[in-house]
Amino acid sequence: MKILERWFDERFLTHRLRSTSTAGILSAVAAIVLLEYRFYVNHVLSWDLLAITLTFVLVKMSLMIWYSVND
């Protein structure tokens, strides 16, 4: 048990939280950029990328409201 506690302490959990958050935001930004590129250059609206973009925005705004109300 002590070995696991040494490997998975608060710093590990904080690093995991930050890396997951950063990866999620960068993936959403990449989807938004790709959506805009396909729309402005190829004149094609990618519905799958639009769905991913709207999901990101909806989840992000919902969680921001939830945390501000319940914190």
N, C-alpha and C. Protein backbone atom coordinates (compact mmCIF):
# COMPACT_ATOMS: atom_id res chain seq x y z
N MET A 1 0.82 -1.20 0.00
CA MET A 1 0.00 0.00 0.00
C MET A 1 0.86 1.26 0.00
N LYS A 2 1.98 1.21 0.71
CA LYS A 2 2.83 2.40 0.78
C LYS A 2 3.47 2.71 -0.57
N ILE A 3 3.72 1.69 -1.38
CA ILE A 3 4.30 1.92 -2.70
C ILE A 3 3.31 2.68 -3.57
N LEU A 4 2.04 2.26 -3.52
CA LEU A 4 1.02 2.96 -4.30
C LEU A 4 0.83 4.39 -3.81
N GLU A 5 0.88 4.59 -2.51
CA GLU A 5 0.75 5.94 -1.97
C GLU A 5 1.91 6.82 -2.41
N ARG A 6 3.08 6.23 -2.54
CA ARG A 6 4.23 7.00 -2.99
C ARG A 6 4.12 7.39 -4.46
N TRP A 7 3.56 6.50 -5.28
CA TRP A 7 3.43 6.77 -6.71
C TRP A 7 2.23 7.66 -7.03
N PHE A 8 1.14 7.48 -6.31
CA PHE A 8 -0.11 8.17 -6.62
C PHE A 8 -0.51 9.11 -5.49
N ASP A 9 0.27 10.14 -5.29
CA ASP A 9 -0.03 11.12 -4.24
C ASP A 9 -0.82 12.28 -4.83
N GLU A 10 -0.98 13.35 -4.05
CA GLU A 10 -1.77 14.50 -4.49
C GLU A 10 -1.17 15.16 -5.72
N ARG A 11 0.14 15.18 -5.82
CA ARG A 11 0.78 15.78 -7.00
C ARG A 11 0.42 15.02 -8.26
N PHE A 12 0.39 13.69 -8.17
CA PHE A 12 0.01 12.88 -9.33
C PHE A 12 -1.41 13.20 -9.76
N LEU A 13 -2.32 13.29 -8.80
CA LEU A 13 -3.71 13.59 -9.13
C LEU A 13 -3.86 14.99 -9.70
N THR A 14 -3.11 15.94 -9.18
CA THR A 14 -3.14 17.31 -9.71
C THR A 14 -2.59 17.35 -11.13
N HIS A 15 -1.50 16.64 -11.37
CA HIS A 15 -0.91 16.60 -12.72
C HIS A 15 -1.86 15.92 -13.69
N ARG A 16 -2.53 14.85 -13.24
CA ARG A 16 -3.49 14.17 -14.10
C ARG A 16 -4.67 15.09 -14.44
N LEU A 17 -5.15 15.84 -13.46
CA LEU A 17 -6.25 16.77 -13.69
C LEU A 17 -5.85 17.86 -14.68
N ARG A 18 -4.68 18.45 -14.50
CA ARG A 18 -4.22 19.50 -15.40
C ARG A 18 -3.98 18.98 -16.81
N SER A 19 -3.36 17.82 -16.93
CA SER A 19 -3.06 17.29 -18.26
C SER A 19 -4.34 16.90 -19.00
N THR A 20 -5.31 16.35 -18.29
CA THR A 20 -6.58 15.99 -18.92
C THR A 20 -7.32 17.23 -19.36
N SER A 21 -7.32 18.26 -18.53
CA SER A 21 -7.99 19.51 -18.88
C SER A 21 -7.34 20.16 -20.10
N THR A 22 -6.03 20.22 -20.10
CA THR A 22 -5.31 20.81 -21.22
C THR A 22 -5.53 20.02 -22.50
N ALA A 23 -5.48 18.70 -22.40
CA ALA A 23 -5.70 17.87 -23.59
C ALA A 23 -7.11 18.05 -24.14
N GLY A 24 -8.09 18.14 -23.27
CA GLY A 24 -9.47 18.34 -23.71
C GLY A 24 -9.67 19.66 -24.41
N ILE A 25 -9.11 20.71 -23.83
CA ILE A 25 -9.25 22.04 -24.42
C ILE A 25 -8.53 22.12 -25.76
N LEU A 26 -7.32 21.59 -25.84
CA LEU A 26 -6.58 21.63 -27.10
C LEU A 26 -7.25 20.78 -28.17
N SER A 27 -7.84 19.66 -27.80
CA SER A 27 -8.57 18.84 -28.77
C SER A 27 -9.80 19.59 -29.29
N ALA A 28 -10.49 20.28 -28.41
CA ALA A 28 -11.66 21.06 -28.83
C ALA A 28 -11.24 22.21 -29.74
N VAL A 29 -10.15 22.88 -29.41
CA VAL A 29 -9.67 23.98 -30.25
C VAL A 29 -9.26 23.43 -31.63
N ALA A 30 -8.62 22.27 -31.66
CA ALA A 30 -8.26 21.66 -32.94
C ALA A 30 -9.50 21.33 -33.77
N ALA A 31 -10.55 20.84 -33.12
CA ALA A 31 -11.80 20.55 -33.84
C ALA A 31 -12.42 21.82 -34.39
N ILE A 32 -12.37 22.91 -33.61
CA ILE A 32 -12.92 24.19 -34.05
C ILE A 32 -12.12 24.73 -35.25
N VAL A 33 -10.81 24.66 -35.16
CA VAL A 33 -9.96 25.15 -36.26
C VAL A 33 -10.20 24.32 -37.52
N LEU A 34 -10.28 23.01 -37.37
CA LEU A 34 -10.53 22.15 -38.53
C LEU A 34 -11.91 22.42 -39.12
N LEU A 35 -12.90 22.64 -38.27
CA LEU A 35 -14.24 22.98 -38.74
C LEU A 35 -14.22 24.27 -39.55
N GLU A 36 -13.57 25.30 -39.03
CA GLU A 36 -13.50 26.57 -39.74
C GLU A 36 -12.70 26.45 -41.03
N TYR A 37 -11.61 25.68 -41.01
CA TYR A 37 -10.82 25.49 -42.22
C TYR A 37 -11.65 24.83 -43.32
N ARG A 38 -12.33 23.74 -42.96
CA ARG A 38 -13.14 23.05 -43.96
C ARG A 38 -14.27 23.93 -44.47
N PHE A 39 -14.80 24.79 -43.59
CA PHE A 39 -15.91 25.65 -44.01
C PHE A 39 -15.42 26.77 -44.92
N TYR A 40 -14.34 27.46 -44.54
CA TYR A 40 -13.89 28.62 -45.31
C TYR A 40 -13.09 28.24 -46.56
N VAL A 41 -12.33 27.16 -46.52
CA VAL A 41 -11.49 26.78 -47.66
C VAL A 41 -12.24 25.86 -48.62
N ASN A 42 -12.85 24.81 -48.07
CA ASN A 42 -13.54 23.84 -48.92
C ASN A 42 -15.02 24.14 -49.11
N HIS A 43 -15.54 25.08 -48.36
CA HIS A 43 -16.97 25.45 -48.41
C HIS A 43 -17.87 24.26 -48.09
N VAL A 44 -17.43 23.47 -47.11
CA VAL A 44 -18.19 22.30 -46.66
C VAL A 44 -18.35 22.40 -45.15
N LEU A 45 -19.59 22.23 -44.67
CA LEU A 45 -19.84 22.24 -43.24
C LEU A 45 -19.80 20.80 -42.73
N SER A 46 -18.82 20.51 -41.89
CA SER A 46 -18.69 19.16 -41.33
C SER A 46 -19.57 19.06 -40.09
N TRP A 47 -20.64 18.29 -40.21
CA TRP A 47 -21.59 18.19 -39.12
C TRP A 47 -21.00 17.46 -37.92
N ASP A 48 -20.09 16.52 -38.15
CA ASP A 48 -19.48 15.82 -37.03
C ASP A 48 -18.59 16.76 -36.21
N LEU A 49 -17.81 17.59 -36.88
CA LEU A 49 -16.97 18.54 -36.16
C LEU A 49 -17.82 19.63 -35.49
N LEU A 50 -18.91 20.01 -36.11
CA LEU A 50 -19.82 20.97 -35.49
C LEU A 50 -20.42 20.38 -34.22
N ALA A 51 -20.78 19.11 -34.25
CA ALA A 51 -21.33 18.45 -33.06
C ALA A 51 -20.30 18.39 -31.94
N ILE A 52 -19.05 18.09 -32.27
CA ILE A 52 -17.99 18.05 -31.25
C ILE A 52 -17.77 19.44 -30.67
N THR A 53 -17.75 20.46 -31.51
CA THR A 53 -17.55 21.83 -31.06
C THR A 53 -18.68 22.28 -30.15
N LEU A 54 -19.92 22.01 -30.55
CA LEU A 54 -21.05 22.42 -29.73
C LEU A 54 -21.12 21.64 -28.41
N THR A 55 -20.72 20.39 -28.44
CA THR A 55 -20.67 19.60 -27.20
C THR A 55 -19.65 20.19 -26.24
N PHE A 56 -18.48 20.55 -26.75
CA PHE A 56 -17.46 21.15 -25.90
C PHE A 56 -17.96 22.45 -25.29
N VAL A 57 -18.54 23.31 -26.10
CA VAL A 57 -19.02 24.60 -25.61
C VAL A 57 -20.13 24.40 -24.57
N LEU A 58 -21.06 23.51 -24.84
CA LEU A 58 -22.16 23.27 -23.93
C LEU A 58 -21.68 22.71 -22.59
N VAL A 59 -20.80 21.73 -22.63
CA VAL A 59 -20.28 21.14 -21.40
C VAL A 59 -19.46 22.17 -20.62
N LYS A 60 -18.61 22.90 -21.29
CA LYS A 60 -17.76 23.89 -20.63
C LYS A 60 -18.60 24.97 -19.95
N MET A 61 -19.57 25.52 -20.66
CA MET A 61 -20.41 26.57 -20.08
C MET A 61 -21.29 26.03 -18.95
N SER A 62 -21.82 24.83 -19.13
CA SER A 62 -22.66 24.23 -18.08
C SER A 62 -21.86 24.01 -16.80
N LEU A 63 -20.65 23.49 -16.95
CA LEU A 63 -19.82 23.26 -15.76
C LEU A 63 -19.37 24.56 -15.11
N MET A 64 -19.10 25.59 -15.90
CA MET A 64 -18.74 26.87 -15.33
C MET A 64 -19.88 27.45 -14.51
N ILE A 65 -21.11 27.34 -15.01
CA ILE A 65 -22.28 27.81 -14.27
C ILE A 65 -22.50 26.97 -13.03
N TRP A 66 -22.39 25.64 -13.17
CA TRP A 66 -22.60 24.75 -12.03
C TRP A 66 -21.60 25.04 -10.92
N TYR A 67 -20.32 25.17 -11.26
CA TYR A 67 -19.30 25.43 -10.24
C TYR A 67 -19.46 26.80 -9.60
N SER A 68 -19.87 27.80 -10.37
CA SER A 68 -20.04 29.13 -9.78
C SER A 68 -21.24 29.18 -8.84
N VAL A 69 -22.28 28.41 -9.13
CA VAL A 69 -23.46 28.38 -8.26
C VAL A 69 -23.21 27.54 -7.00
N ASN A 70 -22.51 26.43 -7.13
CA ASN A 70 -22.34 25.49 -6.04
C ASN A 70 -21.02 25.60 -5.30
N ASP A 71 -20.26 26.61 -5.53
CA ASP A 71 -18.97 26.74 -4.85
C ASP A 71 -19.05 27.80 -3.77
